[in-house]
């Protein structure tokens, strides 16, 4: 199956911008915009999975960040946990 990179980017940006709470909209959309243009097709698919996580799941991940084995994290998660919004 051929991956249309522009379509995936549009879906990711839309989902990142309309999450349910304004705070998560701002956080996730600014994170996505900071990394989306430098990603491979495989990374975009991983990013799409990431932005489709619920806000509650993302908060749980953030709270448990210090207990997660860093070597088992993919590039998206590492980038998110290191992301510093303006």
N, C-alpha and C. Protein backbone atom coordinates (compact mmCIF):
# COMPACT_ATOMS: atom_id res chain seq x y z
N UNK A 1 0.84 -1.18 0.00
CA UNK A 1 0.00 0.00 0.00
C UNK A 1 0.89 1.25 0.00
N UNK A 2 0.61 2.14 -0.92
CA UNK A 2 1.40 3.36 -1.03
C UNK A 2 0.93 4.36 0.03
N UNK A 3 1.87 4.96 0.70
CA UNK A 3 1.57 5.93 1.75
C UNK A 3 1.62 7.32 1.16
N UNK A 4 0.52 8.07 1.31
CA UNK A 4 0.50 9.45 0.88
C UNK A 4 0.92 10.31 2.07
N UNK A 5 2.14 10.77 2.03
CA UNK A 5 2.74 11.48 3.15
C UNK A 5 1.95 12.75 3.51
N UNK A 6 1.49 13.48 2.52
CA UNK A 6 0.74 14.71 2.80
C UNK A 6 -0.58 14.44 3.50
N UNK A 7 -1.27 13.37 3.11
CA UNK A 7 -2.53 13.01 3.77
C UNK A 7 -2.30 12.62 5.22
N UNK A 8 -1.26 11.87 5.47
CA UNK A 8 -0.96 11.47 6.85
C UNK A 8 -0.63 12.71 7.68
N UNK A 9 0.17 13.60 7.13
CA UNK A 9 0.52 14.83 7.86
C UNK A 9 -0.73 15.64 8.19
N UNK A 10 -1.64 15.76 7.24
CA UNK A 10 -2.87 16.51 7.49
C UNK A 10 -3.70 15.87 8.60
N UNK A 11 -3.81 14.55 8.58
CA UNK A 11 -4.56 13.85 9.63
C UNK A 11 -3.92 14.05 11.00
N UNK A 12 -2.60 13.96 11.04
CA UNK A 12 -1.88 14.13 12.30
C UNK A 12 -2.06 15.54 12.84
N UNK A 13 -1.88 16.53 11.99
CA UNK A 13 -2.01 17.92 12.43
C UNK A 13 -3.43 18.21 12.90
N UNK A 14 -4.41 17.70 12.19
CA UNK A 14 -5.80 17.90 12.60
C UNK A 14 -6.05 17.28 13.97
N UNK A 15 -5.64 16.02 14.14
CA UNK A 15 -5.89 15.33 15.42
C UNK A 15 -5.13 16.00 16.56
N UNK A 16 -3.93 16.48 16.28
CA UNK A 16 -3.13 17.14 17.31
C UNK A 16 -3.77 18.46 17.75
N UNK A 17 -4.49 19.09 16.85
CA UNK A 17 -5.07 20.41 17.13
C UNK A 17 -6.46 20.34 17.76
N UNK A 18 -7.14 19.22 17.66
CA UNK A 18 -8.51 19.09 18.17
C UNK A 18 -8.59 17.85 19.06
N UNK A 19 -8.14 18.01 20.30
CA UNK A 19 -8.03 16.87 21.21
C UNK A 19 -9.16 16.82 22.23
N UNK A 20 -9.66 17.93 22.66
CA UNK A 20 -10.71 17.91 23.67
C UNK A 20 -10.50 18.98 24.73
N UNK A 21 -9.25 19.23 25.08
CA UNK A 21 -8.95 20.32 26.00
C UNK A 21 -7.99 21.28 25.32
N UNK A 22 -8.17 22.54 25.58
CA UNK A 22 -7.34 23.55 24.93
C UNK A 22 -5.86 23.38 25.28
N UNK A 23 -5.58 22.99 26.51
CA UNK A 23 -4.20 22.81 26.93
C UNK A 23 -3.50 21.72 26.12
N UNK A 24 -4.20 20.59 25.95
CA UNK A 24 -3.61 19.49 25.17
C UNK A 24 -3.55 19.85 23.69
N UNK A 25 -4.54 20.61 23.20
CA UNK A 25 -4.49 21.08 21.81
C UNK A 25 -3.20 21.84 21.57
N UNK A 26 -2.89 22.77 22.45
CA UNK A 26 -1.71 23.62 22.30
C UNK A 26 -0.44 22.79 22.44
N UNK A 27 -0.38 21.95 23.46
CA UNK A 27 0.82 21.16 23.71
C UNK A 27 1.12 20.19 22.56
N UNK A 28 0.14 19.38 22.21
CA UNK A 28 0.37 18.34 21.20
C UNK A 28 0.57 18.96 19.81
N UNK A 29 -0.21 19.98 19.48
CA UNK A 29 -0.05 20.58 18.15
C UNK A 29 1.30 21.28 18.00
N UNK A 30 1.78 21.93 19.05
CA UNK A 30 3.09 22.57 18.95
C UNK A 30 4.21 21.52 18.87
N UNK A 31 4.04 20.41 19.59
CA UNK A 31 5.01 19.32 19.50
C UNK A 31 5.03 18.75 18.08
N UNK A 32 3.86 18.45 17.54
CA UNK A 32 3.76 17.86 16.20
C UNK A 32 4.37 18.80 15.16
N UNK A 33 4.04 20.07 15.23
CA UNK A 33 4.56 21.02 14.24
C UNK A 33 6.08 21.14 14.31
N UNK A 34 6.65 20.88 15.48
CA UNK A 34 8.10 21.01 15.62
C UNK A 34 8.86 19.83 15.01
N UNK A 35 8.19 18.68 14.80
CA UNK A 35 8.91 17.50 14.31
C UNK A 35 8.39 16.92 13.00
N UNK A 36 7.20 17.28 12.59
CA UNK A 36 6.52 16.55 11.51
C UNK A 36 7.24 16.62 10.16
N UNK A 37 7.90 17.69 9.86
CA UNK A 37 8.51 17.83 8.54
C UNK A 37 9.81 17.06 8.36
N UNK A 38 10.36 16.55 9.46
CA UNK A 38 11.63 15.83 9.40
C UNK A 38 11.46 14.32 9.57
N UNK A 39 10.25 13.82 9.36
CA UNK A 39 9.98 12.42 9.66
C UNK A 39 9.88 11.56 8.41
N UNK A 40 10.28 10.30 8.58
CA UNK A 40 10.12 9.32 7.52
C UNK A 40 8.67 8.83 7.51
N UNK A 41 8.32 8.06 6.50
CA UNK A 41 6.96 7.50 6.44
C UNK A 41 6.65 6.64 7.66
N UNK A 42 7.60 5.82 8.07
CA UNK A 42 7.39 4.94 9.23
C UNK A 42 7.21 5.76 10.50
N UNK A 43 7.99 6.81 10.64
CA UNK A 43 7.88 7.67 11.82
C UNK A 43 6.54 8.42 11.82
N UNK A 44 6.08 8.80 10.65
CA UNK A 44 4.77 9.46 10.57
C UNK A 44 3.66 8.53 11.03
N UNK A 45 3.76 7.27 10.66
CA UNK A 45 2.75 6.30 11.11
C UNK A 45 2.80 6.13 12.63
N UNK A 46 3.99 6.14 13.20
CA UNK A 46 4.13 6.08 14.66
C UNK A 46 3.57 7.34 15.31
N UNK A 47 3.84 8.49 14.70
CA UNK A 47 3.32 9.76 15.23
C UNK A 47 1.79 9.77 15.18
N UNK A 48 1.23 9.21 14.13
CA UNK A 48 -0.23 9.14 14.03
C UNK A 48 -0.80 8.30 15.17
N UNK A 49 -0.16 7.19 15.49
CA UNK A 49 -0.60 6.38 16.63
C UNK A 49 -0.50 7.18 17.93
N UNK A 50 0.59 7.92 18.06
CA UNK A 50 0.82 8.72 19.27
C UNK A 50 -0.28 9.77 19.45
N UNK A 51 -0.58 10.53 18.40
CA UNK A 51 -1.59 11.59 18.55
C UNK A 51 -2.99 11.02 18.74
N UNK A 52 -3.20 9.76 18.39
CA UNK A 52 -4.50 9.15 18.60
C UNK A 52 -4.67 8.55 20.00
N UNK A 53 -3.61 8.61 20.82
CA UNK A 53 -3.76 8.22 22.21
C UNK A 53 -4.69 9.22 22.90
N UNK A 54 -5.42 8.76 23.88
CA UNK A 54 -6.30 9.67 24.61
C UNK A 54 -5.47 10.61 25.48
N UNK A 55 -6.06 11.74 25.86
CA UNK A 55 -5.38 12.68 26.74
C UNK A 55 -5.02 12.00 28.06
N UNK A 56 -5.90 11.15 28.54
CA UNK A 56 -5.64 10.44 29.80
C UNK A 56 -4.42 9.53 29.68
N UNK A 57 -4.30 8.84 28.55
CA UNK A 57 -3.14 7.96 28.34
C UNK A 57 -1.84 8.77 28.26
N UNK A 58 -1.89 9.92 27.61
CA UNK A 58 -0.70 10.76 27.52
C UNK A 58 -0.30 11.30 28.89
N UNK A 59 -1.27 11.65 29.70
CA UNK A 59 -0.98 12.13 31.06
C UNK A 59 -0.37 11.01 31.89
N UNK A 60 -0.92 9.79 31.77
CA UNK A 60 -0.36 8.64 32.49
C UNK A 60 1.08 8.38 32.06
N UNK A 61 1.32 8.45 30.76
CA UNK A 61 2.69 8.25 30.27
C UNK A 61 3.63 9.29 30.85
N UNK A 62 3.16 10.53 30.89
CA UNK A 62 3.98 11.61 31.41
C UNK A 62 4.28 11.40 32.90
N UNK A 63 3.28 10.99 33.66
CA UNK A 63 3.47 10.76 35.10
C UNK A 63 4.42 9.60 35.36
N UNK A 64 4.41 8.60 34.50
CA UNK A 64 5.24 7.42 34.68
C UNK A 64 6.56 7.49 33.90
N UNK A 65 6.88 8.64 33.39
CA UNK A 65 8.06 8.79 32.53
C UNK A 65 9.33 8.28 33.20
N UNK A 66 9.53 8.59 34.46
CA UNK A 66 10.76 8.19 35.13
C UNK A 66 10.84 6.69 35.37
N UNK A 67 9.70 5.99 35.31
CA UNK A 67 9.69 4.55 35.53
C UNK A 67 9.78 3.74 34.23
N UNK A 68 9.69 4.42 33.09
CA UNK A 68 9.74 3.76 31.79
C UNK A 68 11.21 3.53 31.41
N UNK A 69 11.49 2.36 30.91
CA UNK A 69 12.85 2.08 30.46
C UNK A 69 13.09 2.86 29.17
N UNK A 70 14.02 3.79 29.22
CA UNK A 70 14.28 4.70 28.10
C UNK A 70 14.68 3.97 26.83
N UNK A 71 15.38 2.86 26.94
CA UNK A 71 15.82 2.14 25.74
C UNK A 71 14.64 1.50 25.01
N UNK A 72 13.50 1.32 25.68
CA UNK A 72 12.33 0.72 25.04
C UNK A 72 11.41 1.76 24.40
N UNK A 73 11.75 3.03 24.54
CA UNK A 73 10.91 4.09 23.99
C UNK A 73 11.29 4.35 22.54
N UNK A 74 10.29 4.63 21.71
CA UNK A 74 10.61 4.97 20.33
C UNK A 74 10.94 6.46 20.23
N UNK A 75 11.34 6.89 19.06
CA UNK A 75 11.78 8.26 18.83
C UNK A 75 10.70 9.28 19.17
N UNK A 76 9.46 8.96 18.87
CA UNK A 76 8.35 9.89 19.12
C UNK A 76 8.22 10.18 20.61
N UNK A 77 8.21 9.13 21.42
CA UNK A 77 8.06 9.30 22.86
C UNK A 77 9.24 10.06 23.45
N UNK A 78 10.44 9.72 23.02
CA UNK A 78 11.62 10.44 23.51
C UNK A 78 11.54 11.92 23.15
N UNK A 79 11.14 12.20 21.93
CA UNK A 79 11.02 13.59 21.49
C UNK A 79 9.96 14.33 22.29
N UNK A 80 8.84 13.66 22.55
CA UNK A 80 7.75 14.30 23.30
C UNK A 80 8.19 14.61 24.73
N UNK A 81 8.84 13.66 25.38
CA UNK A 81 9.23 13.89 26.77
C UNK A 81 10.35 14.92 26.90
N UNK A 82 11.10 15.12 25.83
CA UNK A 82 12.15 16.14 25.84
C UNK A 82 11.67 17.49 25.29
N UNK A 83 10.44 17.52 24.79
CA UNK A 83 9.89 18.73 24.17
C UNK A 83 9.63 19.81 25.21
N UNK A 84 10.07 21.00 24.92
CA UNK A 84 9.84 22.15 25.80
C UNK A 84 9.04 23.20 25.03
N UNK A 85 7.71 23.25 25.29
CA UNK A 85 6.90 24.25 24.57
C UNK A 85 7.29 25.66 24.96
N UNK A 86 7.06 26.58 24.05
CA UNK A 86 7.42 27.98 24.31
C UNK A 86 6.55 28.60 25.34
